C-alpha atoms as a PDB file:
ATOM      1  CA  MET A   1      24.278 -76.370 102.058  1.00  0.00           C
ATOM      2  CA  GLN A   2      26.911 -73.661 101.728  1.00  0.00           C
ATOM      3  CA  LEU A   3      30.586 -74.313 102.417  1.00  0.00           C
ATOM      4  CA  ASP A   4      32.915 -71.524 103.450  1.00  0.00           C
ATOM      5  CA  LYS A   5      36.003 -71.024 101.324  1.00  0.00           C
ATOM      6  CA  PRO A   6      39.210 -70.781 103.410  1.00  0.00           C
ATOM      7  CA  ASP A   7      41.243 -67.622 102.951  1.00  0.00           C
ATOM      8  CA  GLN A   8      44.136 -68.439 100.630  1.00  0.00           C
ATOM      9  CA  ARG A   9      46.326 -65.940 102.464  1.00  0.00           C
ATOM     10  CA  TYR A  10      46.051 -68.213 105.506  1.00  0.00           C
ATOM     11  CA  THR A  11      46.057 -71.701 103.988  1.00  0.00           C
ATOM     12  CA  GLY A  12      48.753 -70.902 101.413  1.00  0.00           C
ATOM     13  CA  SER A  13      51.046 -68.890 103.659  1.00  0.00           C
ATOM     14  CA  PRO A  14      54.676 -69.899 104.380  1.00  0.00           C
ATOM     15  CA  ARG A  15      53.672 -70.421 108.003  1.00  0.00           C
ATOM     16  CA  ALA A  16      51.012 -72.938 106.974  1.00  0.00           C
ATOM     17  CA  SER A  17      53.614 -74.824 104.938  1.00  0.00           C
ATOM     18  CA  ARG A  18      55.971 -74.897 107.896  1.00  0.00           C
ATOM     19  CA  ASN A  19      53.180 -76.137 110.152  1.00  0.00           C
ATOM     20  CA  PHE A  20      52.424 -78.985 107.754  1.00  0.00           C
ATOM     21  CA  ARG A  21      56.067 -80.044 107.601  1.00  0.00           C
ATOM     22  CA  LEU A  22      56.282 -79.952 111.393  1.00  0.00           C
ATOM     23  CA  ALA A  23      53.106 -82.041 111.743  1.00  0.00           C
ATOM     24  CA  LEU A  24      54.473 -84.613 109.305  1.00  0.00           C
ATOM     25  CA  LYS A  25      57.801 -84.785 111.131  1.00  0.00           C
ATOM     26  CA  ILE A  26      56.051 -85.421 114.456  1.00  0.00           C
ATOM     27  CA  ALA A  27      53.959 -88.193 112.906  1.00  0.00           C
ATOM     28  CA  LEU A  28      57.038 -89.749 111.315  1.00  0.00           C
ATOM     29  CA  ALA A  29      58.871 -89.579 114.643  1.00  0.00           C
ATOM     30  CA  LEU A  30      56.074 -91.461 116.421  1.00  0.00           C
ATOM     31  CA  VAL A  31      56.019 -94.136 113.720  1.00  0.00           C
ATOM     32  CA  ALA A  32      59.810 -94.467 113.998  1.00  0.00           C
ATOM     33  CA  VAL A  33      59.508 -94.969 117.772  1.00  0.00           C
ATOM     34  CA  LEU A  34      56.873 -97.678 117.291  1.00  0.00           C
ATOM     35  CA  TRP A  35      59.024 -99.548 114.776  1.00  0.00           C
ATOM     36  CA  PHE A  36      62.090 -99.183 117.008  1.00  0.00           C
ATOM     37  CA  ILE A  37      60.212-100.711 119.966  1.00  0.00           C
ATOM     38  CA  LEU A  38      58.959-103.602 117.833  1.00  0.00           C
ATOM     39  CA  ILE A  39      62.399-104.346 116.360  1.00  0.00           C
ATOM     40  CA  VAL A  40      64.130-104.220 119.749  1.00  0.00           C
ATOM     41  CA  ASP A  41      61.475-106.481 121.253  1.00  0.00           C
ATOM     42  CA  ASN A  42      61.794-109.029 118.444  1.00  0.00           C
ATOM     43  CA  VAL A  43      65.591-109.026 118.428  1.00  0.00           C
ATOM     44  CA  PHE A  44      66.159-109.241 122.159  1.00  0.00           C
ATOM     45  CA  GLY A  45      62.948-111.001 123.171  1.00  0.00           C
ATOM     46  CA  PHE A  46      62.016-108.623 125.962  1.00  0.00           C
ATOM     47  CA  GLY A  47      58.346-109.567 125.773  1.00  0.00           C
ATOM     48  CA  PHE A  48      57.021-106.030 125.914  1.00  0.00           C
ATOM     49  CA  ALA A  49      53.513-107.348 125.253  1.00  0.00           C
ATOM     50  CA  ARG A  50      53.182-108.029 128.977  1.00  0.00           C
ATOM     51  CA  PHE A  51      52.854-104.253 129.420  1.00  0.00           C
ATOM     52  CA  GLY A  52      49.631-104.220 127.474  1.00  0.00           C
ATOM     53  CA  LEU A  53      46.221-103.327 128.854  1.00  0.00           C
ATOM     54  CA  ARG A  54      44.506-105.829 131.173  1.00  0.00           C
ATOM     55  CA  PRO A  55      40.888-104.784 131.790  1.00  0.00           C
ATOM     56  CA  ARG A  56      39.841-104.505 135.427  1.00  0.00           C
ATOM     57  CA  HIS A  57      43.269-105.513 136.752  1.00  0.00           C
ATOM     58  CA  LEU A  58      45.162-102.863 138.672  1.00  0.00           C
ATOM     59  CA  ASP A  59      48.507-104.002 137.288  1.00  0.00           C
ATOM     60  CA  GLY A  60      46.983-103.769 133.821  1.00  0.00           C
ATOM     61  CA  LEU A  61      46.435-100.026 134.143  1.00  0.00           C
ATOM     62  CA  ILE A  62      49.979 -99.443 132.933  1.00  0.00           C
ATOM     63  CA  GLY A  63      48.615-100.333 129.511  1.00  0.00           C
ATOM     64  CA  VAL A  64      46.726 -97.039 129.487  1.00  0.00           C
ATOM     65  CA  PHE A  65      50.090 -95.436 128.723  1.00  0.00           C
ATOM     66  CA  THR A  66      52.006 -98.254 127.036  1.00  0.00           C
ATOM     67  CA  ALA A  67      49.450-100.249 125.013  1.00  0.00           C
ATOM     68  CA  PRO A  68      49.523 -97.911 121.946  1.00  0.00           C
ATOM     69  CA  LEU A  69      53.309 -98.379 121.779  1.00  0.00           C
ATOM     70  CA  LEU A  70      53.127-102.178 121.520  1.00  0.00           C
ATOM     71  CA  HIS A  71      52.240-104.408 118.588  1.00  0.00           C
ATOM     72  CA  GLY A  72      51.942-108.111 118.006  1.00  0.00           C
ATOM     73  CA  GLY A  73      54.228-108.214 115.000  1.00  0.00           C
ATOM     74  CA  VAL A  74      55.322-106.594 111.764  1.00  0.00           C
ATOM     75  CA  GLU A  75      51.951-107.107 110.080  1.00  0.00           C
ATOM     76  CA  HIS A  76      50.109-105.562 113.011  1.00  0.00           C
ATOM     77  CA  LEU A  77      52.272-102.440 113.078  1.00  0.00           C
ATOM     78  CA  PHE A  78      52.404-102.182 109.281  1.00  0.00           C
ATOM     79  CA  SER A  79      48.597-101.994 109.170  1.00  0.00           C
ATOM     80  CA  ASN A  80      48.691 -99.075 111.626  1.00  0.00           C
ATOM     81  CA  THR A  81      51.609 -97.154 110.123  1.00  0.00           C
ATOM     82  CA  LEU A  82      49.884 -95.288 107.301  1.00  0.00           C
ATOM     83  CA  PRO A  83      46.725 -94.480 109.313  1.00  0.00           C
ATOM     84  CA  ILE A  84      48.924 -93.033 112.073  1.00  0.00           C
ATOM     85  CA  LEU A  85      50.797 -90.861 109.579  1.00  0.00           C
ATOM     86  CA  VAL A  86      47.590 -89.611 107.946  1.00  0.00           C
ATOM     87  CA  SER A  87      45.540 -89.027 111.096  1.00  0.00           C
ATOM     88  CA  LEU A  88      48.273 -87.513 113.264  1.00  0.00           C
ATOM     89  CA  THR A  89      49.582 -85.217 110.522  1.00  0.00           C
ATOM     90  CA  THR A  90      46.063 -84.080 109.703  1.00  0.00           C
ATOM     91  CA  ILE A  91      44.988 -83.260 113.254  1.00  0.00           C
ATOM     92  CA  LEU A  92      48.248 -81.456 114.043  1.00  0.00           C
ATOM     93  CA  TYR A  93      48.055 -79.416 110.839  1.00  0.00           C
ATOM     94  CA  LEU A  94      44.340 -78.571 110.672  1.00  0.00           C
ATOM     95  CA  TYR A  95      43.531 -78.353 114.382  1.00  0.00           C
ATOM     96  CA  PRO A  96      46.802 -77.473 116.196  1.00  0.00           C
ATOM     97  CA  ARG A  97      45.270 -75.844 119.289  1.00  0.00           C
ATOM     98  CA  SER A  98      42.770 -78.555 120.056  1.00  0.00           C
ATOM     99  CA  ALA A  99      45.278 -81.266 119.083  1.00  0.00           C
ATOM    100  CA  MET A 100      47.354 -80.462 122.153  1.00  0.00           C
ATOM    101  CA  ARG A 101      44.410 -81.631 124.270  1.00  0.00           C
ATOM    102  CA  VAL A 102      42.783 -84.163 121.989  1.00  0.00           C
ATOM    103  CA  ILE A 103      45.884 -86.311 121.390  1.00  0.00           C
ATOM    104  CA  PRO A 104      46.692 -87.096 125.058  1.00  0.00           C
ATOM    105  CA  ILE A 105      43.007 -87.514 125.918  1.00  0.00           C
ATOM    106  CA  ILE A 106      42.519 -90.091 123.161  1.00  0.00           C
ATOM    107  CA  TRP A 107      45.841 -91.809 123.925  1.00  0.00           C
ATOM    108  CA  MET A 108      44.981 -92.403 127.585  1.00  0.00           C
ATOM    109  CA  GLY A 109      41.192 -92.140 127.494  1.00  0.00           C
ATOM    110  CA  SER A 110      40.731 -94.932 124.973  1.00  0.00           C
ATOM    111  CA  GLY A 111      42.784 -97.187 127.228  1.00  0.00           C
ATOM    112  CA  LEU A 112      40.850 -96.219 130.345  1.00  0.00           C
ATOM    113  CA  LEU A 113      37.493 -96.845 128.699  1.00  0.00           C
ATOM    114  CA  ALA A 114      38.684-100.156 127.270  1.00  0.00           C
ATOM    115  CA  TRP A 115      39.990-101.089 130.741  1.00  0.00           C
ATOM    116  CA  VAL A 116      36.398-100.780 131.963  1.00  0.00           C
ATOM    117  CA  ILE A 117      34.542-102.469 129.092  1.00  0.00           C
ATOM    118  CA  GLY A 118      37.192-104.805 127.696  1.00  0.00           C
ATOM    119  CA  ARG A 119      37.310-108.586 127.764  1.00  0.00           C
ATOM    120  CA  PRO A 120      39.642-110.182 130.315  1.00  0.00           C
ATOM    121  CA  SER A 121      42.560-110.543 127.935  1.00  0.00           C
ATOM    122  CA  LEU A 122      45.654-108.611 126.895  1.00  0.00           C
ATOM    123  CA  HIS A 123      45.014-105.576 124.689  1.00  0.00           C
ATOM    124  CA  PHE A 124      47.707-103.625 122.849  1.00  0.00           C
ATOM    125  CA  GLY A 125      48.277-101.697 119.647  1.00  0.00           C
ATOM    126  CA  ALA A 126      47.816 -98.140 118.377  1.00  0.00           C
ATOM    127  CA  SER A 127      44.502 -98.912 116.713  1.00  0.00           C
ATOM    128  CA  GLY A 128      42.410 -97.308 119.447  1.00  0.00           C
ATOM    129  CA  PHE A 129      44.492 -94.155 119.155  1.00  0.00           C
ATOM    130  CA  VAL A 130      44.093 -94.175 115.371  1.00  0.00           C
ATOM    131  CA  TYR A 131      40.330 -94.686 115.572  1.00  0.00           C
ATOM    132  CA  GLY A 132      40.061 -91.720 117.915  1.00  0.00           C
ATOM    133  CA  LEU A 133      42.083 -89.403 115.690  1.00  0.00           C
ATOM    134  CA  LEU A 134      40.267 -90.413 112.507  1.00  0.00           C
ATOM    135  CA  ALA A 135      36.873 -89.984 114.177  1.00  0.00           C
ATOM    136  CA  TYR A 136      37.908 -86.550 115.421  1.00  0.00           C
ATOM    137  CA  VAL A 137      39.118 -85.423 111.986  1.00  0.00           C
ATOM    138  CA  PHE A 138      36.032 -86.768 110.215  1.00  0.00           C
ATOM    139  CA  ILE A 139      33.449 -85.259 112.564  1.00  0.00           C
ATOM    140  CA  SER A 140      35.350 -81.958 112.898  1.00  0.00           C
ATOM    141  CA  GLY A 141      35.248 -81.407 109.155  1.00  0.00           C
ATOM    142  CA  ILE A 142      31.498 -81.975 109.048  1.00  0.00           C
ATOM    143  CA  LEU A 143      30.855 -79.591 111.950  1.00  0.00           C
ATOM    144  CA  ARG A 144      33.086 -76.777 110.679  1.00  0.00           C
ATOM    145  CA  MET A 145      31.649 -76.809 107.136  1.00  0.00           C
ATOM    146  CA  ASP A 146      34.560 -75.139 105.365  1.00  0.00           C
ATOM    147  CA  MET A 147      35.826 -76.551 102.084  1.00  0.00           C
ATOM    148  CA  ARG A 148      39.206 -77.664 103.374  1.00  0.00           C
ATOM    149  CA  SER A 149      37.921 -79.486 106.445  1.00  0.00           C
ATOM    150  CA  VAL A 150      35.074 -81.137 104.548  1.00  0.00           C
ATOM    151  CA  ALA A 151      37.478 -82.254 101.803  1.00  0.00           C
ATOM    152  CA  VAL A 152      39.713 -83.886 104.419  1.00  0.00           C
ATOM    153  CA  SER A 153      36.680 -85.572 106.017  1.00  0.00           C
ATOM    154  CA  ILE A 154      35.690 -87.034 102.642  1.00  0.00           C
ATOM    155  CA  MET A 155      39.262 -88.232 102.091  1.00  0.00           C
ATOM    156  CA  VAL A 156      39.351 -89.899 105.521  1.00  0.00           C
ATOM    157  CA  TRP A 157      36.028 -91.622 104.883  1.00  0.00           C
ATOM    158  CA  PHE A 158      37.159 -92.752 101.422  1.00  0.00           C
ATOM    159  CA  LEU A 159      40.435 -94.186 102.766  1.00  0.00           C
ATOM    160  CA  TYR A 160      39.325 -95.590 106.112  1.00  0.00           C
ATOM    161  CA  GLY A 161      35.531 -95.684 106.130  1.00  0.00           C
ATOM    162  CA  SER A 162      35.556 -99.474 106.146  1.00  0.00           C
ATOM    163  CA  MET A 163      37.368 -99.382 109.503  1.00  0.00           C
ATOM    164  CA  ILE A 164      34.014 -98.642 111.130  1.00  0.00           C
ATOM    165  CA  TRP A 165      33.414-102.392 111.248  1.00  0.00           C
ATOM    166  CA  GLY A 166      36.364-102.632 113.620  1.00  0.00           C
ATOM    167  CA  VAL A 167      34.246-101.274 116.479  1.00  0.00           C
ATOM    168  CA  LEU A 168      32.140-104.444 116.395  1.00  0.00           C
ATOM    169  CA  PRO A 169      33.111-107.797 117.970  1.00  0.00           C
ATOM    170  CA  ILE A 170      33.390-109.628 114.663  1.00  0.00           C
ATOM    171  CA  ARG A 171      36.988-110.885 114.977  1.00  0.00           C
ATOM    172  CA  PRO A 172      38.015-112.769 118.112  1.00  0.00           C
ATOM    173  CA  ASN A 173      41.685-111.712 118.043  1.00  0.00           C
ATOM    174  CA  MET A 174      40.992-108.018 117.459  1.00  0.00           C
ATOM    175  CA  SER A 175      40.640-105.514 120.301  1.00  0.00           C
ATOM    176  CA  TRP A 176      37.375-103.987 119.160  1.00  0.00           C
ATOM    177  CA  GLU A 177      37.051-102.492 122.656  1.00  0.00           C
ATOM    178  CA  LEU A 178      40.040-100.204 122.022  1.00  0.00           C
ATOM    179  CA  HIS A 179      38.642 -99.289 118.610  1.00  0.00           C
ATOM    180  CA  LEU A 180      35.217 -98.457 120.021  1.00  0.00           C
ATOM    181  CA  SER A 181      36.674 -96.492 122.928  1.00  0.00           C
ATOM    182  CA  GLY A 182      38.844 -94.403 120.636  1.00  0.00           C
ATOM    183  CA  ALA A 183      35.989 -93.726 118.213  1.00  0.00           C
ATOM    184  CA  ILE A 184      33.629 -92.634 121.003  1.00  0.00           C
ATOM    185  CA  LEU A 185      36.200 -90.236 122.392  1.00  0.00           C
ATOM    186  CA  GLY A 186      37.034 -88.874 118.940  1.00  0.00           C
ATOM    187  CA  VAL A 187      33.397 -88.036 118.207  1.00  0.00           C
ATOM    188  CA  ALA A 188      32.804 -86.520 121.657  1.00  0.00           C
ATOM    189  CA  LEU A 189      35.945 -84.375 121.490  1.00  0.00           C
ATOM    190  CA  ALA A 190      35.126 -83.173 117.969  1.00  0.00           C
ATOM    191  CA  ILE A 191      31.821 -81.864 119.288  1.00  0.00           C
ATOM    192  CA  ALA A 192      33.420 -80.363 122.395  1.00  0.00           C
ATOM    193  CA  PHE A 193      36.148 -78.538 120.433  1.00  0.00           C
ATOM    194  CA  ARG A 194      34.042 -77.626 117.397  1.00  0.00           C
ATOM    195  CA  ARG A 195      34.640 -73.885 117.936  1.00  0.00           C
ATOM    196  CA  TRP A 196      38.416 -74.269 118.147  1.00  0.00           C
ATOM    197  CA  ASP A 197      40.825 -73.837 115.235  1.00  0.00           C
ATOM    198  CA  VAL A 198      38.270 -72.114 113.009  1.00  0.00           C
ATOM    199  CA  THR A 199      39.840 -71.459 109.616  1.00  0.00           C
ATOM    200  CA  PRO A 200      39.665 -67.823 108.389  1.00  0.00           C
ATOM    201  CA  VAL A 201      37.342 -67.690 105.393  1.00  0.00           C
ATOM    202  CA  LYS A 202      37.529 -65.546 102.309  1.00  0.00           C
ATOM    203  CA  ARG A 203      35.150 -62.592 102.256  1.00  0.00           C
ATOM    204  CA  TYR A 204      34.112 -60.515  99.279  1.00  0.00           C
ATOM    205  CA  SER A 205      33.485 -56.784  99.298  1.00  0.00           C
ATOM    206  CA  TRP A 206      29.804 -57.195  98.469  1.00  0.00           C
ATOM    207  CA  GLU A 207      29.284 -59.207 101.665  1.00  0.00           C
ATOM    208  CA  ASP A 208      29.935 -56.089 103.737  1.00  0.00           C
ATOM    209  CA  ASP A 209      27.773 -53.794 101.592  1.00  0.00           C
ATOM    210  CA  ASP A 210      24.378 -53.163 103.246  1.00  0.00           C
ATOM    211  CA  SER A 211      23.102 -50.716 100.611  1.00  0.00           C
ATOM    212  CA  VAL A 212      20.146 -51.670  98.402  1.00  0.00           C
ATOM    213  CA  PRO A 213      21.096 -51.861  94.700  1.00  0.00           C
ATOM    214  CA  ASP A 214      19.102 -49.912  92.117  1.00  0.00           C
ATOM    215  CA  TRP A 215      17.853 -53.063  90.441  1.00  0.00           C
ATOM    216  CA  PHE A 216      16.346 -54.513  93.662  1.00  0.00           C
ATOM    217  CA  PRO A 217      12.502 -54.566  93.390  1.00  0.00           C
ATOM    218  CA  VAL A 218      10.779 -52.163  95.781  1.00  0.00           C
ATOM    219  CA  ASP A 219       7.167 -52.472  96.927  1.00  0.00           C
ATOM    220  CA  GLN A 220       5.470 -49.609  95.059  1.00  0.00           C
ATOM    221  CA  SER A 221       2.571 -49.389  97.524  1.00  0.00           C
ATOM    222  CA  SER A 222       4.988 -48.893 100.418  1.00  0.00           C
ATOM    223  CA  SER A 223       6.767 -46.187  98.451  1.00  0.00           C
ATOM    224  CA  ASP A 224       3.449 -44.377  97.728  1.00  0.00           C
ATOM    225  CA  ASP A 225       2.450 -44.535 101.399  1.00  0.00           C
ATOM    226  CA  GLU A 226       5.739 -42.928 102.379  1.00  0.00           C
ATOM    227  CA  ASN A 227       5.223 -40.157  99.807  1.00  0.00           C
ATOM    228  CA  ASP A 228       1.660 -39.520 101.066  1.00  0.00           C
ATOM    229  CA  GLY A 229       2.926 -39.284 104.585  1.00  0.00           C
ATOM    230  CA  GLU A 230       5.487 -36.699 103.542  1.00  0.00           C
ATOM    231  CA  SER A 231       2.887 -34.571 101.760  1.00  0.00           C
ATOM    232  CA  LEU A 232       0.811 -34.387 104.911  1.00  0.00           C
END
């Protein structure tokens, strides 16, 4: 298995650094919004949880848009904070073109799928969104097979590989339906957008040289046949 080496002029450029800082700022802004909503809800008791996702209820469809913004408490949101920062920064930095489509599709699509398959209870939290982004980043790195993307895939698996158990109904108070929906969408979108955001790879001069070097072994019988043909 051969991995392509990204061109350092692209990955180490000032523009790439600016793109990373922008991606991190966007991820931090989303996390700040989530914490702001949780704090306001706890202080004023608005009961925002009622805007969560209710499977197969028409009034519960609002959760398709709002469920990722809501959390059950500080512990719930704290467990999602770092994965959101890592996954959102990574997808915005490595795959900026496809991210503009993947992010809204996972945000709403995971809710829609969970609305169809979910248990008749209230579902909320950004976990489905996180599962979708992490699945997209992991599968995209494997499909692209360049050193940078594969390295990020390995990092994601090392940090969050154990989260795969979250797609199974093993905890009664956990919305595994949102997790599973996000993961399915992440994998499907990674395959669909596998030809997007291809990183320029480093090429060496010998890769473009089609000439045969002097040391390359030549079939002597073929050479003699050519000489005989010329003598005729």
